[in-house]
Every structure is written in structure tokens, then in C-alpha cells.
């Protein structure tokens, strides 16, 4: 019987699939760290109070990248190149979602609307990350090899999502509500399609590494497409709502823990 637990267990137990999984995850987290660091450096003068929180967000993402690389080192495995069809961040950028990397590479201050776009896009992608980590925490929070990493990353992703809710609600009160809702909707609809495509690509690679029979691969692909159909019909709405978070000022202070604490 196929289940999220059995599927992930199979990936973790095999060196080649674990190597690809951690390499994809490390690359995406490191990319997020770079993006947040650049945004923090380019925050417009009137929004400089956000810079420390964006910096903290980026530091957490960098930490997550180091965690996945540390998990590889513990098995004596090097990171491998990330197949372009599995690069979630780049595929989102190609759809015009978030802030373009060309803009972030310039030494020109961002505008207020750029920060609104960044936070709205992050609210969508952090929802996905938090949901995935909740699933992994449920099944692998006590796993002897990856459990500590899962617990730390899940806690951070919950903080990131709470931070996005908090800041977007504040910006909505300051008059950015229409822009926020527009960008949230555009980002959510693009994200669910990219998530489907990346999931299909990752499972295709995993299937070849693990030697899955055609019926198993077909069943997993059908499941991914079914999730997309649900999200396209109504599930995407969970990604665009805003509510006051239980965790207040989640990125307001403190220094991220270092990698050796969990890997």
C-alpha cells in the first residue's frame, strides 16, 4: 500500500534517492537564503524595520541548506546537481512569481510594492513548506537519522508562515490590501502548478533510482495530478487567507541555531 510514510521511508533508506532528495532540498533552501539576504539589503528606507526579520528569514533558510548537506556528509555522500525540472524556485521565477533575480542582483533599493510582492509570494510558498514539514514531522519526527532535522526545520517554517501573516496584515491596514490579494491569488495558482510539475519530476527521478515498477510510478503520478485537481478547484484558497498568527513577532529576535545542533 502506498503512503507518504512508506514512500519517504523508501527514499531515506536508499543512498542514491536520499542523495538526490537532500541535494534538491539543500539547493532550494540555500537559494531562499540568498534571496532573503538580497531583499534585506535592498529594503526601501521607509520599511527598514523589516530588514532584521528578512535577514533572520534568510539565515534560517541558509541553516536549512546546511542541515541537508550535513545529513549527506553523515552518510558519506556528496551533493549532486539538481535537475532543472525539479528546481521549484527557478520554475516559479520563470512564471513571474516573486522578485526576479535580475532585480535582486542590482544595487538599487526595492520599492514598497516589491516588498509586498515578496511577502505575498512568501506567504504562499511558506504555506507549502509548513504543510510538508507537518507531514514529515508526523511520520519522521522521531526518526534516528532525520528526526532532529525535521523538528528544527518544521519549527522554523511555522515561524516563517506566521511572520508572513503578521506583516501582510499590517501592510493591508496601511493600504496595500488590493495588491496583497492580487499577488496572493496569482502566486497561489502558479505555485500549485509548479508544485505539481516538480513533484512529477522528482517522483520520476526517484522511480528510476529505486526501480519502481510502472504501475507504482503511474499510481504516484495519478495521485499528484489528483492533488493538483483538488487544489486548482478549491484547495488553493487556503494559501491566500490571512489571519493573526498565534506566534507573535516570530522573527523579531534571537539568532538561528547552528548546524551541529541537529545534524
Protein backbone atom coordinates (compact mmCIF):
# COMPACT_ATOMS: atom_id res chain seq x y z
CA UNK A 1 0.00 0.00 0.00
CA UNK A 2 1.32 3.43 -0.98
CA UNK A 3 1.51 6.05 1.76
CA UNK A 4 3.54 9.16 2.43
CA UNK A 5 5.33 7.35 5.23
CA UNK A 6 6.28 4.27 3.21
CA UNK A 7 7.31 6.40 0.23
CA UNK A 8 9.59 8.66 2.24
CA UNK A 9 11.00 5.70 4.16
CA UNK A 10 11.94 4.10 0.86
CA UNK A 11 13.68 7.30 -0.27
CA UNK A 12 15.57 7.67 3.03
CA UNK A 13 16.69 4.05 3.10
CA UNK A 14 18.36 4.16 -0.34
CA UNK A 15 21.59 6.15 -0.68
CA UNK A 16 21.01 7.35 -4.25
CA UNK A 17 17.46 8.58 -3.65
CA UNK A 18 18.41 10.12 -0.28
CA UNK A 19 21.32 11.88 -2.01
CA UNK A 20 19.03 13.39 -4.64
CA UNK A 21 16.36 14.35 -2.10
CA UNK A 22 18.83 16.15 0.19
CA UNK A 23 20.59 17.80 -2.75
CA UNK A 24 17.32 19.24 -4.09
CA UNK A 25 16.28 20.40 -0.62
CA UNK A 26 19.68 21.95 0.18
CA UNK A 27 19.77 23.83 -3.12
CA UNK A 28 16.27 25.26 -2.67
CA UNK A 29 16.91 26.36 0.90
CA UNK A 30 20.24 27.98 0.02
CA UNK A 31 18.59 29.82 -2.85
CA UNK A 32 15.96 31.11 -0.44
CA UNK A 33 18.71 32.26 1.90
CA UNK A 34 20.38 34.25 -0.87
CA UNK A 35 17.09 35.82 -1.97
CA UNK A 36 16.18 36.95 1.52
CA UNK A 37 19.65 38.35 2.15
CA UNK A 38 19.46 40.42 -1.02
CA UNK A 39 15.95 41.65 -0.22
CA UNK A 40 17.04 42.64 3.29
CA UNK A 41 19.92 44.64 1.80
CA UNK A 42 17.62 46.42 -0.66
CA UNK A 43 14.62 47.20 1.58
CA UNK A 44 13.42 50.78 0.94
CA UNK A 45 14.19 53.37 3.59
CA UNK A 46 10.60 53.63 4.79
CA UNK A 47 10.44 49.88 5.54
CA UNK A 48 13.85 49.35 7.15
CA UNK A 49 12.18 47.95 10.26
CA UNK A 50 11.56 44.80 8.21
CA UNK A 51 15.21 44.28 7.33
CA UNK A 52 16.19 42.35 10.51
CA UNK A 53 13.24 39.97 10.09
CA UNK A 54 14.02 39.35 6.42
CA UNK A 55 17.65 38.78 7.40
CA UNK A 56 16.55 36.26 10.03
CA UNK A 57 14.34 34.52 7.48
CA UNK A 58 17.29 34.22 5.12
CA UNK A 59 19.57 32.97 7.90
CA UNK A 60 17.06 30.24 8.71
CA UNK A 61 16.93 29.16 5.05
CA UNK A 62 20.74 29.06 4.89
CA UNK A 63 20.70 26.96 8.06
CA UNK A 64 18.28 24.50 6.48
CA UNK A 65 20.58 24.15 3.48
CA UNK A 66 23.46 23.36 5.81
CA UNK A 67 21.32 20.80 7.65
CA UNK A 68 20.60 18.87 4.44
CA UNK A 69 24.26 18.98 3.42
CA UNK A 70 25.22 17.75 6.89
CA UNK A 71 22.81 14.82 6.52
CA UNK A 72 24.59 13.93 3.29
CA UNK A 73 28.01 14.15 4.94
CA UNK A 74 26.89 11.81 7.73
CA UNK A 75 26.27 9.16 5.07
CA UNK A 76 29.49 9.99 3.25
CA UNK A 77 27.56 11.26 0.23
CA UNK A 78 28.39 14.36 -1.84
CA UNK A 79 25.66 16.66 -3.10
CA UNK A 80 24.62 16.04 -6.71
CA UNK A 81 23.47 18.55 -9.36
CA UNK A 82 19.80 19.45 -9.15
CA UNK A 83 17.87 18.50 -12.30
CA UNK A 84 16.40 21.75 -13.70
CA UNK A 85 12.90 20.29 -13.88
CA UNK A 86 12.99 19.84 -10.09
CA UNK A 87 14.12 23.41 -9.34
CA UNK A 88 11.00 24.81 -7.63
CA UNK A 89 12.43 28.31 -7.10
CA UNK A 90 13.58 28.81 -10.67
CA UNK A 91 10.36 27.45 -12.14
CA UNK A 92 8.35 29.91 -10.03
CA UNK A 93 10.55 32.78 -11.21
CA UNK A 94 10.02 31.79 -14.84
CA UNK A 95 6.29 32.17 -14.23
CA UNK A 96 6.90 35.71 -12.98
CA UNK A 97 6.20 34.86 -9.35
CA UNK A 98 8.18 36.68 -6.68
CA UNK A 99 11.03 39.12 -7.29
CA UNK A 100 13.21 38.44 -10.32
CA UNK A 101 16.80 37.54 -9.57
CA UNK A 102 17.98 40.16 -12.06
CA UNK A 103 16.37 42.81 -9.87
CA UNK A 104 17.89 41.36 -6.70
CA UNK A 105 21.38 41.39 -8.21
CA UNK A 106 21.25 45.15 -8.75
CA UNK A 107 22.31 47.54 -6.02
CA UNK A 108 19.11 49.57 -6.34
CA UNK A 109 16.62 49.91 -3.47
CA UNK A 110 13.40 48.00 -3.88
CA UNK A 111 10.04 49.76 -3.79
CA UNK A 112 7.27 49.26 -1.25
CA UNK A 113 5.28 47.21 -3.75
CA UNK A 114 8.29 44.92 -4.24
CA UNK A 115 8.25 44.14 -0.52
CA UNK A 116 4.51 43.48 -0.65
CA UNK A 117 5.09 41.10 -3.59
CA UNK A 118 7.91 39.36 -1.72
CA UNK A 119 5.80 38.83 1.42
CA UNK A 120 2.72 37.67 -0.51
CA UNK A 121 4.76 35.22 -2.56
CA UNK A 122 6.46 34.01 0.63
CA UNK A 123 3.11 33.52 2.36
CA UNK A 124 2.18 31.05 -0.41
CA UNK A 125 5.48 29.16 -0.57
CA UNK A 126 5.84 29.04 3.21
CA UNK A 127 2.38 27.50 3.44
CA UNK A 128 3.59 24.70 1.20
CA UNK A 129 6.80 24.29 3.19
CA UNK A 130 4.98 24.29 6.53
CA UNK A 131 2.42 21.73 5.30
CA UNK A 132 5.15 19.42 4.02
CA UNK A 133 7.06 19.64 7.26
CA UNK A 134 3.93 18.89 9.31
CA UNK A 135 3.57 15.69 7.29
CA UNK A 136 7.23 14.76 7.78
CA UNK A 137 7.06 15.65 11.47
CA UNK A 138 4.07 13.36 11.94
CA UNK A 139 5.83 10.39 10.38
CA UNK A 140 9.53 11.05 10.96
CA UNK A 141 9.86 13.41 13.91
CA UNK A 142 11.39 10.56 15.94
CA UNK A 143 13.45 9.04 13.12
CA UNK A 144 17.01 8.36 14.36
CA UNK A 145 18.67 9.85 11.27
CA UNK A 146 16.46 12.72 10.11
CA UNK A 147 14.16 13.35 13.09
CA UNK A 148 16.07 16.24 14.67
CA UNK A 149 16.43 17.99 11.32
CA UNK A 150 12.71 17.59 10.63
CA UNK A 151 11.78 19.04 14.02
CA UNK A 152 14.03 22.08 13.67
CA UNK A 153 13.00 22.88 10.10
CA UNK A 154 9.30 22.41 10.87
CA UNK A 155 9.52 24.86 13.77
CA UNK A 156 11.26 27.42 11.54
CA UNK A 157 8.74 27.05 8.71
CA UNK A 158 5.88 27.65 11.13
CA UNK A 159 7.65 30.83 12.25
CA UNK A 160 8.15 31.97 8.66
CA UNK A 161 4.49 31.44 7.84
CA UNK A 162 3.39 33.31 10.97
CA UNK A 163 5.73 36.19 10.07
CA UNK A 164 4.20 36.46 6.58
CA UNK A 165 0.66 36.56 8.00
CA UNK A 166 1.63 39.19 10.57
CA UNK A 167 3.42 41.51 8.16
CA UNK A 168 0.85 41.21 5.37
CA UNK A 169 -1.99 42.04 7.76
CA UNK A 170 -0.06 45.10 8.90
CA UNK A 171 0.58 46.18 5.31
CA UNK A 172 -3.10 45.60 4.44
CA UNK A 173 -4.05 48.02 7.23
CA UNK A 174 -1.64 50.52 5.71
CA UNK A 175 -3.47 50.46 2.36
CA UNK A 176 -1.86 47.61 0.41
CA UNK A 177 -4.83 45.24 0.68
CA UNK A 178 -5.76 45.08 -3.02
CA UNK A 179 -2.19 44.45 -4.12
CA UNK A 180 -1.78 41.77 -1.47
CA UNK A 181 -4.91 39.89 -2.53
CA UNK A 182 -3.99 40.11 -6.22
CA UNK A 183 -0.46 38.82 -5.68
CA UNK A 184 -1.61 36.10 -3.29
CA UNK A 185 -4.07 34.75 -5.86
CA UNK A 186 -1.57 34.92 -8.74
CA UNK A 187 1.14 33.29 -6.63
CA UNK A 188 -1.11 30.50 -5.34
CA UNK A 189 -2.39 29.50 -8.77
CA UNK A 190 1.13 29.48 -10.20
CA UNK A 191 2.56 27.65 -7.19
CA UNK A 192 0.15 24.73 -7.31
CA UNK A 193 1.02 24.13 -10.98
CA UNK A 194 4.76 24.36 -10.31
CA UNK A 195 4.42 22.08 -7.29
CA UNK A 196 2.63 19.50 -9.46
CA UNK A 197 5.31 19.67 -12.15
CA UNK A 198 8.19 19.47 -9.66
CA UNK A 199 6.53 16.61 -7.77
CA UNK A 200 6.08 14.65 -11.00
CA UNK A 201 9.70 15.29 -11.98
CA UNK A 202 11.06 14.31 -8.55
CA UNK A 203 9.00 11.13 -8.46
CA UNK A 204 10.16 10.26 -11.98
CA UNK A 205 13.79 10.54 -10.87
CA UNK A 206 13.12 8.63 -7.66
CA UNK A 207 11.31 5.90 -9.55
CA UNK A 208 14.29 5.33 -11.81
CA UNK A 209 16.74 5.33 -8.90
CA UNK A 210 14.60 2.92 -6.87
CA UNK A 211 13.47 0.73 -9.75
CA UNK A 212 9.75 1.27 -9.25
CA UNK A 213 7.51 -0.87 -11.45
CA UNK A 214 5.39 1.01 -13.98
CA UNK A 215 2.09 0.53 -12.08
CA UNK A 216 3.57 2.05 -8.91
CA UNK A 217 5.02 5.02 -10.81
CA UNK A 218 1.71 5.53 -12.60
CA UNK A 219 -0.25 5.41 -9.34
CA UNK A 220 2.02 8.04 -7.75
CA UNK A 221 1.74 10.30 -10.80
CA UNK A 222 -2.05 9.94 -10.74
CA UNK A 223 -2.06 10.87 -7.05
CA UNK A 224 0.00 14.00 -7.72
CA UNK A 225 -2.36 15.05 -10.50
CA UNK A 226 -5.37 14.40 -8.28
CA UNK A 227 -3.92 16.68 -5.60
CA UNK A 228 -3.41 19.37 -8.23
CA UNK A 229 -7.01 18.98 -9.46
CA UNK A 230 -8.29 19.46 -5.90
CA UNK A 231 -6.02 22.46 -5.30
CA UNK A 232 -6.96 24.05 -8.62
CA UNK A 233 -10.66 23.64 -7.87
CA UNK A 234 -10.68 24.94 -4.30
CA UNK A 235 -7.64 23.95 -2.26
CA UNK A 236 -5.61 26.99 -3.31
CA UNK A 237 -7.87 29.19 -1.15
CA UNK A 238 -6.01 28.04 1.97
CA UNK A 239 -2.92 29.76 0.57
CA UNK A 240 -4.44 33.21 0.22
CA UNK A 241 -6.26 33.75 3.51
CA UNK A 242 -4.71 35.94 6.20
CA UNK A 243 -5.26 35.63 9.92
CA UNK A 244 -3.48 36.88 13.04
CA UNK A 245 -0.89 34.21 13.92
CA UNK A 246 -0.68 32.54 17.30
CA UNK A 247 3.08 33.14 17.24
CA UNK A 248 3.55 36.90 17.56
CA UNK A 249 6.70 38.57 16.22
CA UNK A 250 8.18 35.14 15.36
CA UNK A 251 11.26 36.55 13.64
CA UNK A 252 11.70 39.53 15.90
CA UNK A 253 14.83 38.41 17.69
CA UNK A 254 17.28 35.72 18.50
CA UNK A 255 19.97 34.01 16.49
CA UNK A 256 19.30 30.83 14.47
CA UNK A 257 20.80 27.70 15.97
CA UNK A 258 23.91 26.34 14.29
CA UNK A 259 24.02 23.22 12.19
CA UNK A 260 25.88 20.98 14.66
CA UNK A 261 22.87 21.04 16.97
CA UNK A 262 20.86 18.73 14.78
CA UNK A 263 22.91 17.02 12.08
